C-alpha atoms as a PDB file:
ATOM      1  CA  VAL A   1       0.190   0.233  -0.338  1.00  0.00           C
ATOM      2  CA  HIS A   2       2.937   2.530   0.689  1.00  0.00           C
ATOM      3  CA  HIS A   3       5.487   1.245  -1.406  1.00  0.00           C
ATOM      4  CA  PRO A   4       5.743   4.612  -3.660  1.00  0.00           C
ATOM      5  CA  TRP A   5       6.910   6.414  -0.825  1.00  0.00           C
ATOM      6  CA  ILE A   6       9.603   4.345   0.494  1.00  0.00           C
ATOM      7  CA  ASN A   7      12.565   6.101   0.405  1.00  0.00           C
ATOM      8  CA  ALA A   8      14.239   3.131  -1.840  1.00  0.00           C
ATOM      9  CA  ASP A   9      17.747   4.458  -1.765  1.00  0.00           C
ATOM     10  CA  ARG A  10      18.047   4.574   1.620  1.00  0.00           C
ATOM     11  CA  LEU A  11      16.337   1.330   2.265  1.00  0.00           C
ATOM     12  CA  ILE A  12      18.930  -0.074  -0.307  1.00  0.00           C
ATOM     13  CA  ARG A  13      21.884   1.081   1.530  1.00  0.00           C
ATOM     14  CA  ILE A  14      20.634  -0.277   4.657  1.00  0.00           C
ATOM     15  CA  THR A  15      19.827  -3.838   3.436  1.00  0.00           C
ATOM     16  CA  ALA A  16      23.048  -3.845   1.565  1.00  0.00           C
ATOM     17  CA  GLU A  17      25.083  -3.373   4.574  1.00  0.00           C
ATOM     18  CA  LEU A  18      23.246  -6.521   6.257  1.00  0.00           C
ATOM     19  CA  SER A  19      24.841  -9.658   7.077  1.00  0.00           C
ATOM     20  CA  SER A  20      21.767 -11.629   7.197  1.00  0.00           C
ATOM     21  CA  LYS A  21      21.080 -13.491   4.098  1.00  0.00           C
ATOM     22  CA  ARG A  22      17.672 -14.671   5.006  1.00  0.00           C
ATOM     23  CA  VAL A  23      16.836 -10.596   5.792  1.00  0.00           C
ATOM     24  CA  ARG A  24      18.764 -10.027   2.331  1.00  0.00           C
ATOM     25  CA  ALA A  25      16.744 -12.595   0.461  1.00  0.00           C
ATOM     26  CA  PHE A  26      13.956 -11.399   1.721  1.00  0.00           C
ATOM     27  CA  TRP A  27      14.287  -7.190   0.682  1.00  0.00           C
ATOM     28  CA  SER A  28      15.112  -8.912  -2.774  1.00  0.00           C
ATOM     29  CA  ALA A  29      12.395 -10.917  -3.034  1.00  0.00           C
ATOM     30  CA  ILE A  30      10.020  -7.991  -2.269  1.00  0.00           C
ATOM     31  CA  ALA A  31      11.616  -5.872  -4.927  1.00  0.00           C
ATOM     32  CA  LYS A  32      10.881  -8.589  -7.122  1.00  0.00           C
ATOM     33  CA  TRP A  33       7.514  -8.376  -6.504  1.00  0.00           C
ATOM     34  CA  LEU A  34       7.152  -4.929  -6.937  1.00  0.00           C
ATOM     35  CA  GLY A  35       9.213  -5.031 -10.284  1.00  0.00           C
ATOM     36  CA  LYS A  36       7.066  -2.538 -11.916  1.00  0.00           C
ATOM     37  CA  ASP A  37       8.552   0.064  -9.385  1.00  0.00           C
ATOM     38  CA  ARG A  38      12.308   0.635 -10.929  1.00  0.00           C
ATOM     39  CA  ARG A  39      13.552   2.160  -7.969  1.00  0.00           C
ATOM     40  CA  PHE A  40      13.857  -1.059  -6.534  1.00  0.00           C
ATOM     41  CA  ALA A  41      15.874  -2.983  -9.408  1.00  0.00           C
ATOM     42  CA  ARG A  42      18.855  -2.710  -7.734  1.00  0.00           C
ATOM     43  CA  MET A  43      17.469  -4.404  -4.542  1.00  0.00           C
ATOM     44  CA  SER A  44      16.581  -6.930  -6.218  1.00  0.00           C
ATOM     45  CA  LYS A  45      20.299  -8.010  -7.326  1.00  0.00           C
ATOM     46  CA  LEU A  46      21.621  -7.779  -2.919  1.00  0.00           C
ATOM     47  CA  TYR A  47      20.701 -11.540  -3.369  1.00  0.00           C
ATOM     48  CA  SER A  48      19.836 -14.226  -5.719  1.00  0.00           C
ATOM     49  CA  LYS A  49      20.797 -18.250  -5.165  1.00  0.00           C
ATOM     50  CA  PRO A  50      20.280 -20.328  -3.630  1.00  0.00           C
ATOM     51  CA  ARG A  51      16.176 -19.586  -2.583  1.00  0.00           C
ATOM     52  CA  VAL A  52      16.235 -19.281   1.096  1.00  0.00           C
ATOM     53  CA  ASP A  53      13.400 -20.632   2.739  1.00  0.00           C
ATOM     54  CA  LEU A  54      11.435 -18.106   5.114  1.00  0.00           C
ATOM     55  CA  LEU A  55      10.376 -20.244   7.738  1.00  0.00           C
ATOM     56  CA  ARG A  56      13.639 -21.961   9.452  1.00  0.00           C
ATOM     57  CA  VAL A  57      11.157 -25.078  10.623  1.00  0.00           C
ATOM     58  CA  GLY A  58       8.403 -26.595   8.445  1.00  0.00           C
ATOM     59  CA  ASN A  59       8.599 -24.475   5.026  1.00  0.00           C
ATOM     60  CA  ASP A  60       8.602 -27.779   2.804  1.00  0.00           C
ATOM     61  CA  PHE A  61       5.362 -28.907   4.929  1.00  0.00           C
ATOM     62  CA  GLN A  62       3.922 -25.947   4.783  1.00  0.00           C
ATOM     63  CA  ILE A  63       4.489 -25.548   0.814  1.00  0.00           C
ATOM     64  CA  SER A  64       3.644 -28.408   0.273  1.00  0.00           C
ATOM     65  CA  ARG A  65       0.138 -28.008   1.914  1.00  0.00           C
ATOM     66  CA  LYS A  66      -1.137 -24.574   0.917  1.00  0.00           C
ATOM     67  CA  GLY A  67       1.464 -23.921  -2.300  1.00  0.00           C
ATOM     68  CA  GLU A  68       3.656 -21.100  -2.167  1.00  0.00           C
ATOM     69  CA  ASP A  69       3.051 -17.533  -1.531  1.00  0.00           C
ATOM     70  CA  ALA A  70       2.549 -16.280  -5.343  1.00  0.00           C
ATOM     71  CA  ARG A  71       3.647 -12.910  -4.430  1.00  0.00           C
ATOM     72  CA  PHE A  72       6.732 -14.360  -3.837  1.00  0.00           C
ATOM     73  CA  LYS A  73       6.660 -17.282  -6.831  1.00  0.00           C
ATOM     74  CA  GLY A  74       9.867 -17.257  -8.823  1.00  0.00           C
ATOM     75  CA  THR A  75      12.307 -15.199  -6.616  1.00  0.00           C
ATOM     76  CA  CYS A  76      14.803 -15.923  -3.869  1.00  0.00           C
ATOM     77  CA  LEU A  77      12.754 -16.467  -0.815  1.00  0.00           C
ATOM     78  CA  ARG A  78      10.285 -19.615  -1.016  1.00  0.00           C
ATOM     79  CA  VAL A  79       7.524 -17.934   1.452  1.00  0.00           C
ATOM     80  CA  PRO A  80       4.400 -20.737   1.765  1.00  0.00           C
ATOM     81  CA  GLU A  81       0.969 -19.116   1.350  1.00  0.00           C
ATOM     82  CA  GLY A  82      -0.814 -18.198   4.191  1.00  0.00           C
ATOM     83  CA  VAL A  83       1.761 -17.194   6.158  1.00  0.00           C
ATOM     84  CA  LEU A  84       3.041 -13.265   5.597  1.00  0.00           C
ATOM     85  CA  ARG A  85      -0.752 -11.810   5.484  1.00  0.00           C
ATOM     86  CA  ASP A  86      -2.007  -9.499   2.560  1.00  0.00           C
ATOM     87  CA  ARG A  87      -2.837  -6.443   5.117  1.00  0.00           C
ATOM     88  CA  LYS A  88      -4.365  -3.902   2.865  1.00  0.00           C
ATOM     89  CA  ARG A  89      -7.143  -3.613   5.197  1.00  0.00           C
ATOM     90  CA  ASP A  90      -4.790  -3.950   8.568  1.00  0.00           C
ATOM     91  CA  VAL A  91      -2.679  -0.717   7.715  1.00  0.00           C
ATOM     92  CA  ALA A  92      -4.118   3.215   7.470  1.00  0.00           C
ATOM     93  CA  ASP A  93      -4.680   4.144   3.758  1.00  0.00           C
ATOM     94  CA  PRO A  94      -1.586   6.721   2.399  1.00  0.00           C
ATOM     95  CA  GLY A  95      -4.014   9.718   3.266  1.00  0.00           C
ATOM     96  CA  GLU A  96      -4.837   8.812   6.586  1.00  0.00           C
ATOM     97  CA  LEU A  97      -1.105   8.299   6.995  1.00  0.00           C
ATOM     98  CA  ALA A  98      -0.202  11.572   5.634  1.00  0.00           C
ATOM     99  CA  ARG A  99      -2.321  13.177   8.061  1.00  0.00           C
ATOM    100  CA  ILE A 100      -0.616  11.615  11.311  1.00  0.00           C
ATOM    101  CA  HIS A 101       2.649  11.072  10.454  1.00  0.00           C
ATOM    102  CA  ARG A 102       5.098  14.309   9.566  1.00  0.00           C
ATOM    103  CA  VAL A 103       7.604  12.645   7.723  1.00  0.00           C
ATOM    104  CA  TYR A 104       5.009  10.589   5.557  1.00  0.00           C
ATOM    105  CA  ARG A 105       3.095  13.823   4.461  1.00  0.00           C
ATOM    106  CA  HIS A 106       6.233  14.782   3.330  1.00  0.00           C
ATOM    107  CA  ARG A 107       7.272  12.344   1.023  1.00  0.00           C
ATOM    108  CA  VAL A 108       3.456  12.642  -0.722  1.00  0.00           C
ATOM    109  CA  LEU A 109       3.934  16.627  -0.990  1.00  0.00           C
ATOM    110  CA  ILE A 110       8.298  16.223  -1.919  1.00  0.00           C
ATOM    111  CA  GLY A 111       8.848  12.399  -2.986  1.00  0.00           C
ATOM    112  CA  PRO A 112       9.980   9.658  -1.269  1.00  0.00           C
ATOM    113  CA  THR A 113      13.469  11.264  -0.745  1.00  0.00           C
ATOM    114  CA  TYR A 114      16.180  12.173   1.644  1.00  0.00           C
ATOM    115  CA  ARG A 115      15.083  16.097   1.222  1.00  0.00           C
ATOM    116  CA  ALA A 116      11.673  15.318   2.180  1.00  0.00           C
ATOM    117  CA  ASP A 117      13.189  13.358   5.367  1.00  0.00           C
ATOM    118  CA  MET A 118      15.244  16.665   6.105  1.00  0.00           C
ATOM    119  CA  TRP A 119      11.994  19.099   5.639  1.00  0.00           C
ATOM    120  CA  ALA A 120      10.005  16.829   8.138  1.00  0.00           C
ATOM    121  CA  VAL A 121      12.918  16.685  10.505  1.00  0.00           C
ATOM    122  CA  PHE A 122      13.645  20.715  10.295  1.00  0.00           C
ATOM    123  CA  GLU A 123       9.841  21.781  10.752  1.00  0.00           C
ATOM    124  CA  SER A 124       9.952  20.071  14.120  1.00  0.00           C
ATOM    125  CA  ASP A 125      13.078  21.198  15.515  1.00  0.00           C
ATOM    126  CA  PRO A 126      14.386  24.731  13.166  1.00  0.00           C
ATOM    127  CA  THR A 127      17.185  25.235  15.413  1.00  0.00           C
ATOM    128  CA  LEU A 128      19.097  22.210  13.636  1.00  0.00           C
ATOM    129  CA  SER A 129      22.543  22.646  11.613  1.00  0.00           C
ATOM    130  CA  ALA A 130      22.809  21.255   8.459  1.00  0.00           C
ATOM    131  CA  SER A 131      25.302  18.788   9.520  1.00  0.00           C
ATOM    132  CA  GLU A 132      22.916  17.239  12.312  1.00  0.00           C
ATOM    133  CA  LEU A 133      20.094  17.875  10.099  1.00  0.00           C
ATOM    134  CA  ALA A 134      22.333  15.622   7.852  1.00  0.00           C
ATOM    135  CA  ARG A 135      23.541  13.057  10.501  1.00  0.00           C
ATOM    136  CA  ARG A 136      19.696  12.720  11.721  1.00  0.00           C
ATOM    137  CA  THR A 137      18.318  11.527   8.151  1.00  0.00           C
ATOM    138  CA  TYR A 138      20.978   9.701   6.851  1.00  0.00           C
ATOM    139  CA  GLY A 139      21.336  11.932   3.704  1.00  0.00           C
ATOM    140  CA  SER A 140      24.313  15.014   3.106  1.00  0.00           C
ATOM    141  CA  PHE A 141      25.275  17.813   4.334  1.00  0.00           C
ATOM    142  CA  ALA A 142      25.016  19.643   0.329  1.00  0.00           C
ATOM    143  CA  THR A 143      21.217  18.450   0.942  1.00  0.00           C
ATOM    144  CA  ALA A 144      20.581  19.349   4.355  1.00  0.00           C
ATOM    145  CA  TRP A 145      22.146  22.773   3.816  1.00  0.00           C
ATOM    146  CA  GLN A 146      19.508  23.265   0.559  1.00  0.00           C
ATOM    147  CA  ALA A 147      16.662  22.217   2.410  1.00  0.00           C
ATOM    148  CA  ILE A 148      17.045  24.585   5.284  1.00  0.00           C
ATOM    149  CA  HIS A 149      17.990  27.312   2.902  1.00  0.00           C
ATOM    150  CA  ASP A 150      14.799  26.659   0.777  1.00  0.00           C
ATOM    151  CA  PHE A 151      12.745  26.159   4.002  1.00  0.00           C
ATOM    152  CA  LYS A 152      14.126  29.754   5.808  1.00  0.00           C
ATOM    153  CA  ILE A 153      13.271  31.568   2.116  1.00  0.00           C
ATOM    154  CA  LEU A 154       9.001  29.616   2.435  1.00  0.00           C
ATOM    155  CA  ALA A 155       9.302  30.980   6.074  1.00  0.00           C
ATOM    156  CA  ALA A 156      10.217  34.352   5.429  1.00  0.00           C
END
């Protein structure tokens, strides 16, 4: 439901640094499932072979009973049907989440970028320096400096 507003670059960087092959396989499989969204193309290459079972115990048994989850067929992750819920009805819709979550709202307004995250954080604490803003949002100093500069122009 919310993947259009994920900062894909940030997620890919975090995932690439992980040592767990199961977690890397999970995110690689998610990226292949969301294959129409080209922002995740690099993430789909973080893990390929051999295929990894989602469940440490009983994965083969569950797949033989219920089959494989269609979302993950042909990916590097073997997921039995019914183990991972399709939660569209369980999560807030984008409009509701944008009303209650500042960073999400800025990602909808600006796009899923470091700049949107910086605007949201700076809006909540306009005393931050560019270096502190960059550190808190995992972005670059240059982007933080520009976001602060633009924010002050609009505030004036």
